[in-house]
Amino acid sequence: MLALLPPVDGPAPMLLKQKVTMQARGERFQFLIVSRFDATQARLVALMPTGQQLIALEYDGKQLHQSVAVPVELPGEAILATIQFAFWPEASVRQYYPPELGWTLRLEANRRQLWHYDAHFLDIVQEAGTTRVKNYPGEYQVTIKTLEQKDLEQ
C-alpha cells in the first residue's frame, strides 16, 4: 500500500547504518539495516545482530529485487517504503501520496504523518538520531537508531 519512491527523487547520496527494533503483537525483534541511497538505486540489507543476512533489497525506481536469506517474515518492501517516506524530500513525498488517491499528509520539521481515507496510516517522529514509526494498519511500532550516516560524493 505504501509507495516505493524513485531513487532519483531521494535525498543526497548517503549510506546509513541503523539499529531497528520492531514491536508487534507482543513480540520484539531487533536487526541492523545498512542502506545506500543514490540517484540510481536504493539498496537495503537487513542483518541479524550476529551479522547473518535476513533480507536484501534493490530498487531502481522501476523494479524491486528482493532476496531472503533466512525464512523470516520481514516486510522488506514496507520497510523500504517507510524509510523513504521518512527521509525523501517533502516534494517527492507529496507527489507520490496525492489527495486524489485518498492520502492526507502532515509534514513538519521532525514529524511526518500519513492518513489514507481519514484512517491514520503512519506516524513518524525523528529526534536526536532516532526515528520512531507507528504503522497503524500493520499494528506495529519501529524504533530506528541511526548508528552512522555518511554522505557519499558521486
N, C-alpha and C. Protein backbone atom coordinates (compact mmCIF):
# COMPACT_ATOMS: atom_id res chain seq x y z
N MET A 1 0.82 -1.19 0.00
CA MET A 1 0.00 0.00 0.00
C MET A 1 0.86 1.26 0.00
N LEU A 2 1.99 1.24 0.72
CA LEU A 2 2.89 2.38 0.68
C LEU A 2 3.60 2.40 -0.67
N ALA A 3 3.90 3.60 -1.13
CA ALA A 3 4.55 3.76 -2.42
C ALA A 3 6.06 3.63 -2.29
N LEU A 4 6.67 2.96 -3.25
CA LEU A 4 8.13 2.98 -3.36
C LEU A 4 8.47 4.20 -4.20
N LEU A 5 9.29 5.08 -3.66
CA LEU A 5 9.60 6.34 -4.33
C LEU A 5 10.86 6.20 -5.17
N PRO A 6 10.91 6.85 -6.32
CA PRO A 6 12.08 6.73 -7.20
C PRO A 6 13.36 7.22 -6.53
N PRO A 7 14.44 6.48 -6.67
CA PRO A 7 15.72 6.91 -6.08
C PRO A 7 16.15 8.29 -6.56
N VAL A 8 15.84 8.62 -7.81
CA VAL A 8 16.26 9.91 -8.37
C VAL A 8 15.63 11.08 -7.60
N ASP A 9 14.48 10.86 -6.97
CA ASP A 9 13.81 11.92 -6.20
C ASP A 9 14.25 11.95 -4.74
N GLY A 10 15.18 11.08 -4.38
CA GLY A 10 15.57 10.92 -2.98
C GLY A 10 16.53 11.97 -2.47
N PRO A 11 17.04 11.73 -1.28
CA PRO A 11 17.98 12.66 -0.66
C PRO A 11 19.34 12.59 -1.37
N ALA A 12 20.24 13.45 -0.97
CA ALA A 12 21.61 13.39 -1.49
C ALA A 12 22.17 11.99 -1.21
N PRO A 13 23.05 11.49 -2.07
CA PRO A 13 23.59 10.14 -1.87
C PRO A 13 24.13 9.95 -0.45
N MET A 14 23.73 8.84 0.18
CA MET A 14 24.17 8.57 1.54
C MET A 14 24.17 7.09 1.85
N LEU A 15 24.92 6.77 2.88
CA LEU A 15 24.99 5.43 3.43
C LEU A 15 24.51 5.52 4.87
N LEU A 16 23.60 4.65 5.25
CA LEU A 16 23.07 4.64 6.61
C LEU A 16 23.29 3.27 7.25
N LYS A 17 23.72 3.29 8.50
CA LYS A 17 23.76 2.08 9.31
C LYS A 17 22.83 2.34 10.48
N GLN A 18 21.83 1.45 10.65
CA GLN A 18 20.81 1.70 11.65
C GLN A 18 20.46 0.44 12.42
N LYS A 19 20.15 0.62 13.68
CA LYS A 19 19.67 -0.46 14.54
C LYS A 19 18.15 -0.32 14.60
N VAL A 20 17.45 -1.40 14.29
CA VAL A 20 16.00 -1.38 14.23
C VAL A 20 15.42 -2.30 15.29
N THR A 21 14.47 -1.78 16.04
CA THR A 21 13.72 -2.58 17.00
C THR A 21 12.26 -2.52 16.57
N MET A 22 11.71 -3.68 16.27
CA MET A 22 10.34 -3.77 15.78
C MET A 22 9.50 -4.47 16.84
N GLN A 23 8.36 -3.86 17.19
CA GLN A 23 7.46 -4.46 18.17
C GLN A 23 6.10 -4.66 17.53
N ALA A 24 5.64 -5.90 17.57
CA ALA A 24 4.33 -6.23 17.01
C ALA A 24 3.70 -7.37 17.77
N ARG A 25 2.45 -7.19 18.12
CA ARG A 25 1.67 -8.24 18.78
C ARG A 25 2.41 -8.87 19.96
N GLY A 26 2.99 -8.03 20.79
CA GLY A 26 3.66 -8.51 21.99
C GLY A 26 5.05 -9.07 21.78
N GLU A 27 5.51 -9.13 20.55
CA GLU A 27 6.86 -9.64 20.27
C GLU A 27 7.79 -8.51 19.90
N ARG A 28 9.07 -8.72 20.18
CA ARG A 28 10.09 -7.72 19.88
C ARG A 28 11.19 -8.38 19.06
N PHE A 29 11.60 -7.69 18.00
CA PHE A 29 12.57 -8.24 17.06
C PHE A 29 13.58 -7.14 16.76
N GLN A 30 14.88 -7.46 16.86
CA GLN A 30 15.92 -6.48 16.56
C GLN A 30 16.77 -6.94 15.38
N PHE A 31 17.16 -5.98 14.56
CA PHE A 31 18.06 -6.26 13.45
C PHE A 31 18.78 -4.98 13.06
N LEU A 32 19.77 -5.12 12.23
CA LEU A 32 20.53 -3.98 11.72
C LEU A 32 20.17 -3.78 10.26
N ILE A 33 20.18 -2.53 9.82
CA ILE A 33 19.94 -2.22 8.41
C ILE A 33 21.10 -1.38 7.91
N VAL A 34 21.63 -1.77 6.77
CA VAL A 34 22.62 -0.95 6.08
C VAL A 34 21.94 -0.55 4.76
N SER A 35 21.80 0.75 4.55
CA SER A 35 21.12 1.27 3.36
C SER A 35 22.06 2.19 2.60
N ARG A 36 21.95 2.14 1.29
CA ARG A 36 22.68 3.06 0.44
C ARG A 36 21.67 3.66 -0.54
N PHE A 37 21.61 4.98 -0.54
CA PHE A 37 20.70 5.68 -1.43
C PHE A 37 21.51 6.59 -2.34
N ASP A 38 21.23 6.49 -3.64
CA ASP A 38 21.79 7.45 -4.59
C ASP A 38 20.74 7.67 -5.67
N ALA A 39 21.06 8.44 -6.69
CA ALA A 39 20.07 8.81 -7.70
C ALA A 39 19.64 7.64 -8.57
N THR A 40 20.40 6.56 -8.59
CA THR A 40 20.05 5.44 -9.47
C THR A 40 19.44 4.26 -8.74
N GLN A 41 19.70 4.15 -7.43
CA GLN A 41 19.25 2.94 -6.74
C GLN A 41 19.13 3.15 -5.23
N ALA A 42 18.16 2.46 -4.66
CA ALA A 42 18.03 2.35 -3.21
C ALA A 42 18.35 0.91 -2.88
N ARG A 43 19.33 0.70 -2.00
CA ARG A 43 19.72 -0.65 -1.58
C ARG A 43 19.61 -0.74 -0.07
N LEU A 44 19.14 -1.88 0.38
CA LEU A 44 18.96 -2.08 1.80
C LEU A 44 19.27 -3.53 2.12
N VAL A 45 20.05 -3.75 3.16
CA VAL A 45 20.34 -5.10 3.65
C VAL A 45 19.98 -5.12 5.13
N ALA A 46 19.16 -6.08 5.53
CA ALA A 46 18.82 -6.28 6.94
C ALA A 46 19.62 -7.46 7.46
N LEU A 47 20.27 -7.24 8.60
CA LEU A 47 21.14 -8.25 9.21
C LEU A 47 20.69 -8.56 10.63
N MET A 48 20.83 -9.81 11.02
CA MET A 48 20.61 -10.17 12.42
C MET A 48 21.74 -9.54 13.24
N PRO A 49 21.57 -9.36 14.54
CA PRO A 49 22.65 -8.80 15.36
C PRO A 49 23.95 -9.60 15.25
N THR A 50 23.86 -10.86 14.86
CA THR A 50 25.06 -11.69 14.69
C THR A 50 25.77 -11.42 13.36
N GLY A 51 25.12 -10.64 12.48
CA GLY A 51 25.70 -10.34 11.18
C GLY A 51 25.13 -11.17 10.05
N GLN A 52 24.31 -12.19 10.36
CA GLN A 52 23.71 -13.03 9.33
C GLN A 52 22.66 -12.23 8.56
N GLN A 53 22.71 -12.30 7.24
CA GLN A 53 21.77 -11.54 6.40
C GLN A 53 20.37 -12.12 6.49
N LEU A 54 19.40 -11.22 6.66
CA LEU A 54 17.99 -11.61 6.67
C LEU A 54 17.37 -11.40 5.29
N ILE A 55 17.56 -10.19 4.77
CA ILE A 55 16.93 -9.82 3.51
C ILE A 55 17.78 -8.75 2.83
N ALA A 56 17.76 -8.74 1.52
CA ALA A 56 18.44 -7.70 0.74
C ALA A 56 17.44 -7.19 -0.30
N LEU A 57 17.40 -5.88 -0.45
CA LEU A 57 16.50 -5.24 -1.41
C LEU A 57 17.29 -4.30 -2.30
N GLU A 58 16.93 -4.26 -3.57
CA GLU A 58 17.47 -3.27 -4.50
C GLU A 58 16.30 -2.73 -5.30
N TYR A 59 16.20 -1.41 -5.37
CA TYR A 59 15.11 -0.77 -6.09
C TYR A 59 15.68 0.34 -6.96
N ASP A 60 15.42 0.23 -8.27
CA ASP A 60 15.97 1.20 -9.22
C ASP A 60 14.93 2.22 -9.69
N GLY A 61 13.78 2.23 -9.07
CA GLY A 61 12.71 3.14 -9.46
C GLY A 61 11.68 2.46 -10.33
N LYS A 62 12.02 1.29 -10.87
CA LYS A 62 11.09 0.54 -11.72
C LYS A 62 10.83 -0.85 -11.16
N GLN A 63 11.89 -1.50 -10.73
CA GLN A 63 11.77 -2.89 -10.29
C GLN A 63 12.41 -3.08 -8.92
N LEU A 64 11.72 -3.84 -8.09
CA LEU A 64 12.23 -4.18 -6.77
C LEU A 64 12.74 -5.62 -6.81
N HIS A 65 14.01 -5.80 -6.45
CA HIS A 65 14.59 -7.14 -6.34
C HIS A 65 14.78 -7.42 -4.86
N GLN A 66 14.29 -8.56 -4.43
CA GLN A 66 14.35 -8.91 -3.02
C GLN A 66 14.88 -10.33 -2.89
N SER A 67 15.85 -10.53 -2.01
CA SER A 67 16.32 -11.88 -1.71
C SER A 67 16.26 -12.09 -0.21
N VAL A 68 15.72 -13.21 0.18
CA VAL A 68 15.55 -13.55 1.58
C VAL A 68 16.52 -14.67 1.91
N ALA A 69 17.39 -14.43 2.88
CA ALA A 69 18.41 -15.42 3.24
C ALA A 69 17.95 -16.33 4.38
N VAL A 70 17.11 -15.81 5.24
CA VAL A 70 16.62 -16.56 6.39
C VAL A 70 15.10 -16.54 6.32
N PRO A 71 14.45 -17.69 6.51
CA PRO A 71 12.99 -17.70 6.43
C PRO A 71 12.37 -16.97 7.63
N VAL A 72 12.21 -15.68 7.45
CA VAL A 72 11.60 -14.86 8.49
C VAL A 72 10.63 -13.90 7.80
N GLU A 73 9.53 -13.63 8.44
CA GLU A 73 8.56 -12.72 7.85
C GLU A 73 8.96 -11.29 8.16
N LEU A 74 9.71 -10.71 7.27
CA LEU A 74 10.15 -9.33 7.41
C LEU A 74 9.61 -8.57 6.21
N PRO A 75 8.75 -7.57 6.44
CA PRO A 75 8.12 -6.87 5.32
C PRO A 75 9.10 -5.91 4.64
N GLY A 76 9.99 -6.46 3.82
CA GLY A 76 11.07 -5.68 3.22
C GLY A 76 10.60 -4.48 2.43
N GLU A 77 9.60 -4.68 1.57
CA GLU A 77 9.10 -3.57 0.75
C GLU A 77 8.51 -2.47 1.64
N ALA A 78 7.77 -2.85 2.66
CA ALA A 78 7.17 -1.87 3.58
C ALA A 78 8.25 -1.13 4.36
N ILE A 79 9.33 -1.83 4.74
CA ILE A 79 10.43 -1.18 5.46
C ILE A 79 11.08 -0.13 4.56
N LEU A 80 11.37 -0.50 3.31
CA LEU A 80 11.98 0.45 2.38
C LEU A 80 11.06 1.64 2.13
N ALA A 81 9.77 1.38 1.89
CA ALA A 81 8.81 2.46 1.63
C ALA A 81 8.69 3.39 2.84
N THR A 82 8.74 2.82 4.04
CA THR A 82 8.66 3.64 5.26
C THR A 82 9.90 4.50 5.43
N ILE A 83 11.07 3.94 5.17
CA ILE A 83 12.31 4.72 5.24
C ILE A 83 12.26 5.86 4.22
N GLN A 84 11.76 5.55 3.02
CA GLN A 84 11.65 6.58 2.00
C GLN A 84 10.67 7.67 2.45
N PHE A 85 9.54 7.29 3.00
CA PHE A 85 8.56 8.28 3.49
C PHE A 85 9.19 9.18 4.54
N ALA A 86 10.05 8.61 5.37
CA ALA A 86 10.69 9.38 6.44
C ALA A 86 11.80 10.30 5.93
N PHE A 87 12.57 9.85 4.93
CA PHE A 87 13.78 10.57 4.55
C PHE A 87 13.75 11.27 3.19
N TRP A 88 12.81 10.92 2.31
CA TRP A 88 12.78 11.56 0.99
C TRP A 88 12.30 13.01 1.14
N PRO A 89 12.72 13.88 0.26
CA PRO A 89 12.30 15.29 0.34
C PRO A 89 10.77 15.44 0.28
N GLU A 90 10.30 16.48 0.93
CA GLU A 90 8.86 16.72 1.03
C GLU A 90 8.17 16.75 -0.33
N ALA A 91 8.77 17.37 -1.34
CA ALA A 91 8.14 17.47 -2.66
C ALA A 91 7.89 16.09 -3.26
N SER A 92 8.82 15.18 -3.09
CA SER A 92 8.66 13.82 -3.62
C SER A 92 7.56 13.08 -2.87
N VAL A 93 7.55 13.20 -1.55
CA VAL A 93 6.52 12.53 -0.75
C VAL A 93 5.14 13.03 -1.16
N ARG A 94 5.00 14.35 -1.31
CA ARG A 94 3.70 14.91 -1.71
C ARG A 94 3.27 14.41 -3.09
N GLN A 95 4.22 14.26 -4.00
CA GLN A 95 3.91 13.81 -5.36
C GLN A 95 3.36 12.38 -5.37
N TYR A 96 3.90 11.51 -4.54
CA TYR A 96 3.52 10.09 -4.59
C TYR A 96 2.43 9.70 -3.59
N TYR A 97 1.99 10.65 -2.77
CA TYR A 97 0.87 10.41 -1.86
C TYR A 97 -0.16 11.53 -2.08
N PRO A 98 -0.77 11.57 -3.28
CA PRO A 98 -1.67 12.68 -3.61
C PRO A 98 -3.06 12.55 -2.97
N PRO A 99 -3.69 13.69 -2.68
CA PRO A 99 -5.03 13.68 -2.08
C PRO A 99 -6.06 12.95 -2.95
N GLU A 100 -5.90 13.03 -4.28
CA GLU A 100 -6.89 12.38 -5.15
C GLU A 100 -6.88 10.86 -5.04
N LEU A 101 -5.84 10.29 -4.42
CA LEU A 101 -5.81 8.85 -4.16
C LEU A 101 -6.15 8.53 -2.71
N GLY A 102 -6.70 9.53 -2.00
CA GLY A 102 -7.16 9.32 -0.63
C GLY A 102 -6.14 9.61 0.45
N TRP A 103 -4.96 10.11 0.07
CA TRP A 103 -3.91 10.36 1.06
C TRP A 103 -4.03 11.77 1.66
N THR A 104 -3.76 11.87 2.94
CA THR A 104 -3.63 13.15 3.63
C THR A 104 -2.29 13.13 4.34
N LEU A 105 -1.51 14.19 4.15
CA LEU A 105 -0.18 14.29 4.74
C LEU A 105 -0.12 15.45 5.72
N ARG A 106 0.67 15.27 6.75
CA ARG A 106 1.07 16.38 7.62
C ARG A 106 2.58 16.22 7.78
N LEU A 107 3.33 17.14 7.17
CA LEU A 107 4.78 17.08 7.19
C LEU A 107 5.32 18.26 7.96
N GLU A 108 5.97 17.99 9.07
CA GLU A 108 6.57 19.03 9.91
C GLU A 108 8.07 18.77 9.99
N ALA A 109 8.79 19.65 10.65
CA ALA A 109 10.25 19.54 10.71
C ALA A 109 10.72 18.18 11.23
N ASN A 110 10.14 17.68 12.31
CA ASN A 110 10.58 16.42 12.92
C ASN A 110 9.50 15.36 12.97
N ARG A 111 8.40 15.59 12.25
CA ARG A 111 7.30 14.63 12.31
C ARG A 111 6.61 14.56 10.95
N ARG A 112 6.30 13.33 10.53
CA ARG A 112 5.54 13.11 9.30
C ARG A 112 4.39 12.16 9.62
N GLN A 113 3.20 12.56 9.20
CA GLN A 113 2.02 11.73 9.44
C GLN A 113 1.31 11.49 8.11
N LEU A 114 0.70 10.31 8.02
CA LEU A 114 0.02 9.90 6.79
C LEU A 114 -1.31 9.26 7.15
N TRP A 115 -2.36 9.68 6.44
CA TRP A 115 -3.68 9.08 6.57
C TRP A 115 -4.12 8.60 5.20
N HIS A 116 -4.90 7.54 5.17
CA HIS A 116 -5.49 7.06 3.93
C HIS A 116 -7.00 7.00 4.14
N TYR A 117 -7.72 7.81 3.39
CA TYR A 117 -9.17 7.97 3.55
C TYR A 117 -9.53 8.15 5.03
N ASP A 118 -8.87 9.12 5.65
CA ASP A 118 -9.11 9.53 7.04
C ASP A 118 -8.74 8.49 8.10
N ALA A 119 -8.16 7.36 7.70
CA ALA A 119 -7.66 6.38 8.67
C ALA A 119 -6.16 6.63 8.86
N HIS A 120 -5.74 6.78 10.11
CA HIS A 120 -4.33 7.03 10.40
C HIS A 120 -3.50 5.85 9.89
N PHE A 121 -2.48 6.13 9.11
CA PHE A 121 -1.68 5.09 8.48
C PHE A 121 -0.28 5.03 9.10
N LEU A 122 0.45 6.15 9.08
CA LEU A 122 1.81 6.21 9.62
C LEU A 122 1.97 7.45 10.48
N ASP A 123 2.78 7.31 11.51
CA ASP A 123 3.21 8.44 12.32
C ASP A 123 4.70 8.26 12.54
N ILE A 124 5.50 9.20 12.06
CA ILE A 124 6.96 9.10 12.15
C ILE A 124 7.48 10.34 12.85
N VAL A 125 8.23 10.11 13.93
CA VAL A 125 8.83 11.20 14.70
C VAL A 125 10.33 11.00 14.69
N GLN A 126 11.07 12.05 14.33
CA GLN A 126 12.53 11.99 14.29
C GLN A 126 13.09 12.96 15.32
N GLU A 127 14.00 12.44 16.16
CA GLU A 127 14.66 13.30 17.14
C GLU A 127 15.98 12.69 17.57
N ALA A 128 17.02 13.51 17.51
CA ALA A 128 18.35 13.15 18.01
C ALA A 128 18.84 11.79 17.53
N GLY A 129 18.82 11.54 16.22
CA GLY A 129 19.35 10.30 15.68
C GLY A 129 18.44 9.09 15.82
N THR A 130 17.23 9.30 16.32
CA THR A 130 16.28 8.21 16.48
C THR A 130 15.00 8.53 15.73
N THR A 131 14.50 7.54 15.00
CA THR A 131 13.24 7.68 14.28
C THR A 131 12.27 6.67 14.86
N ARG A 132 11.10 7.15 15.26
CA ARG A 132 10.06 6.27 15.79
C ARG A 132 8.91 6.21 14.79
N VAL A 133 8.54 4.98 14.44
CA VAL A 133 7.50 4.76 13.44
C VAL A 133 6.36 3.98 14.07
N LYS A 134 5.16 4.47 13.86
CA LYS A 134 3.97 3.70 14.25
C LYS A 134 3.19 3.44 12.96
N ASN A 135 3.02 2.15 12.63
CA ASN A 135 2.27 1.74 11.46
C ASN A 135 0.93 1.22 11.97
N TYR A 136 -0.12 1.98 11.72
CA TYR A 136 -1.43 1.65 12.27
C TYR A 136 -2.06 0.41 11.64
N PRO A 137 -2.13 0.30 10.30
CA PRO A 137 -2.75 -0.91 9.74
C PRO A 137 -1.95 -2.18 10.03
N GLY A 138 -0.62 -2.07 10.06
CA GLY A 138 0.22 -3.22 10.35
C GLY A 138 0.31 -3.54 11.83
N GLU A 139 -0.20 -2.64 12.65
CA GLU A 139 -0.21 -2.79 14.11
C GLU A 139 1.18 -3.09 14.66
N TYR A 140 2.16 -2.29 14.20
CA TYR A 140 3.50 -2.45 14.75
C TYR A 140 4.16 -1.09 14.93
N GLN A 141 5.17 -1.11 15.80
CA GLN A 141 5.98 0.08 16.06
C GLN A 141 7.43 -0.27 15.80
N VAL A 142 8.15 0.71 15.29
CA VAL A 142 9.56 0.51 14.97
C VAL A 142 10.34 1.69 15.55
N THR A 143 11.46 1.38 16.17
CA THR A 143 12.40 2.41 16.60
C THR A 143 13.67 2.19 15.80
N ILE A 144 14.09 3.23 15.09
CA ILE A 144 15.29 3.16 14.25
C ILE A 144 16.32 4.12 14.82
N LYS A 145 17.43 3.57 15.26
CA LYS A 145 18.51 4.39 15.80
C LYS A 145 19.63 4.44 14.76
N THR A 146 19.93 5.64 14.27
CA THR A 146 21.00 5.79 13.28
C THR A 146 22.34 5.71 13.99
N LEU A 147 23.13 4.70 13.61
CA LEU A 147 24.45 4.50 14.19
C LEU A 147 25.50 5.27 13.41
N GLU A 148 25.29 5.34 12.09
CA GLU A 148 26.24 6.05 11.23
C GLU A 148 25.51 6.56 10.00
N GLN A 149 25.80 7.79 9.63
CA GLN A 149 25.27 8.36 8.39
C GLN A 149 26.44 9.00 7.66
N LYS A 150 26.67 8.53 6.45
CA LYS A 150 27.80 9.03 5.69
C LYS A 150 27.28 9.58 4.37
N ASP A 151 27.58 10.84 4.10
CA ASP A 151 27.22 11.43 2.83
C ASP A 151 28.20 10.93 1.78
N LEU A 152 27.69 10.54 0.62
CA LEU A 152 28.52 9.98 -0.43
C LEU A 152 28.61 10.97 -1.59
N GLU A 153 29.80 11.18 -2.06
CA GLU A 153 30.01 12.02 -3.25
C GLU A 153 29.84 11.16 -4.47
N GLN A 154 29.22 11.70 -5.51
CA GLN A 154 29.06 10.92 -6.73
C GLN A 154 30.17 11.22 -7.71
